[in-house]
Amino acid sequence: MRKLSIASQSDEILRSAVPDGQCLIGPAGRVWCDEQERPITPHRLVFIGTYGEIVDGIPIGRRCGCRRCVNPDHLIVGSTP
């Protein structure tokens, strides 16, 4: 079975996300990340797929405050204010 790239997995999450206002609601919980060979939160996978690698332990927050939002425009480095 071939492994999917983070970009491919990110695209799949964004394609299946449900619009809710300006937010895109992604899957709950964690998804398996083929490249990193570990589970990862959907918003973190989308952030990496859109903007590039981040250091483990650095939080990725959301400007909108919606915990399931995966809209790349809403994702920020750091915790949500």
Protein backbone atom coordinates (compact mmCIF):
# COMPACT_ATOMS: atom_id res chain seq x y z
CA MET A 1 0.00 0.00 0.00
CA ARG A 2 1.51 3.34 -1.00
CA LYS A 3 1.82 6.17 1.46
CA LEU A 4 0.07 9.46 0.74
CA SER A 5 1.96 12.73 1.03
CA ILE A 6 0.95 15.26 3.65
CA ALA A 7 -0.19 17.56 0.81
CA SER A 8 -2.46 14.80 -0.56
CA GLN A 9 -3.89 14.03 2.87
CA SER A 10 -4.39 17.75 3.55
CA ASP A 11 -6.24 18.15 0.23
CA GLU A 12 -8.48 15.20 1.09
CA ILE A 13 -9.37 16.70 4.48
CA LEU A 14 -10.17 20.05 2.84
CA ARG A 15 -12.28 18.38 0.10
CA SER A 16 -14.34 16.49 2.69
CA ALA A 17 -14.68 19.42 5.14
CA VAL A 18 -18.18 20.79 5.69
CA PRO A 19 -18.61 24.57 5.25
CA ASP A 20 -20.03 26.40 8.28
CA GLY A 21 -19.95 30.15 7.68
CA GLN A 22 -16.30 30.97 6.94
CA CYS A 23 -15.09 27.83 8.74
CA LEU A 24 -14.45 24.42 7.21
CA ILE A 25 -15.37 21.69 9.67
CA GLY A 26 -12.98 18.74 9.50
CA PRO A 27 -13.04 15.31 11.11
CA ALA A 28 -13.01 14.99 14.88
CA GLY A 29 -10.08 13.43 16.71
CA ARG A 30 -6.85 12.47 14.98
CA VAL A 31 -6.09 11.14 11.52
CA TRP A 32 -3.22 8.87 10.51
CA CYS A 33 -0.39 10.81 8.87
CA ASP A 34 1.37 8.49 6.42
CA GLU A 35 4.54 10.60 6.09
CA GLN A 36 5.06 11.05 9.81
CA GLU A 37 3.79 7.54 10.60
CA ARG A 38 1.71 8.70 13.54
CA PRO A 39 -1.73 10.12 14.32
CA ILE A 40 -2.07 13.90 14.02
CA THR A 41 -4.91 16.38 14.43
CA PRO A 42 -6.60 17.35 11.16
CA HIS A 43 -5.94 21.08 11.57
CA ARG A 44 -2.23 20.45 12.17
CA LEU A 45 -2.00 18.21 9.10
CA VAL A 46 -3.72 20.90 6.98
CA PHE A 47 -1.37 23.57 8.38
CA ILE A 48 1.70 21.49 7.44
CA GLY A 49 0.24 20.67 4.02
CA THR A 50 -0.45 24.35 3.34
CA TYR A 51 2.40 26.25 5.00
CA GLY A 52 5.15 23.65 5.59
CA GLU A 53 6.73 21.87 8.53
CA ILE A 54 6.38 23.07 12.11
CA VAL A 55 8.36 22.10 15.19
CA ASP A 56 6.76 19.42 17.38
CA GLY A 57 5.22 20.96 20.45
CA ILE A 58 4.43 24.32 18.81
CA PRO A 59 0.65 24.78 19.04
CA ILE A 60 -1.46 25.58 16.01
CA GLY A 61 -4.53 27.61 16.89
CA ARG A 62 -7.50 28.99 15.00
CA ARG A 63 -8.38 32.66 14.58
CA CYS A 64 -12.07 31.73 14.57
CA GLY A 65 -11.91 29.72 17.81
CA CYS A 66 -13.82 26.79 16.25
CA ARG A 67 -12.12 23.63 17.51
CA ARG A 68 -12.85 21.55 14.37
CA CYS A 69 -12.09 24.25 11.79
CA VAL A 70 -9.46 23.26 9.18
CA ASN A 71 -9.71 26.41 7.01
CA PRO A 72 -6.03 27.28 6.27
CA ASP A 73 -6.90 30.99 6.44
CA HIS A 74 -8.00 30.52 10.06
CA LEU A 75 -4.94 28.54 11.24
CA ILE A 76 -2.21 30.37 13.17
CA VAL A 77 1.04 29.45 14.89
CA GLY A 78 0.41 29.69 18.63
CA SER A 79 -2.61 29.17 20.78
CA THR A 80 -5.94 30.81 20.13
CA PRO A 81 -6.36 34.06 22.08
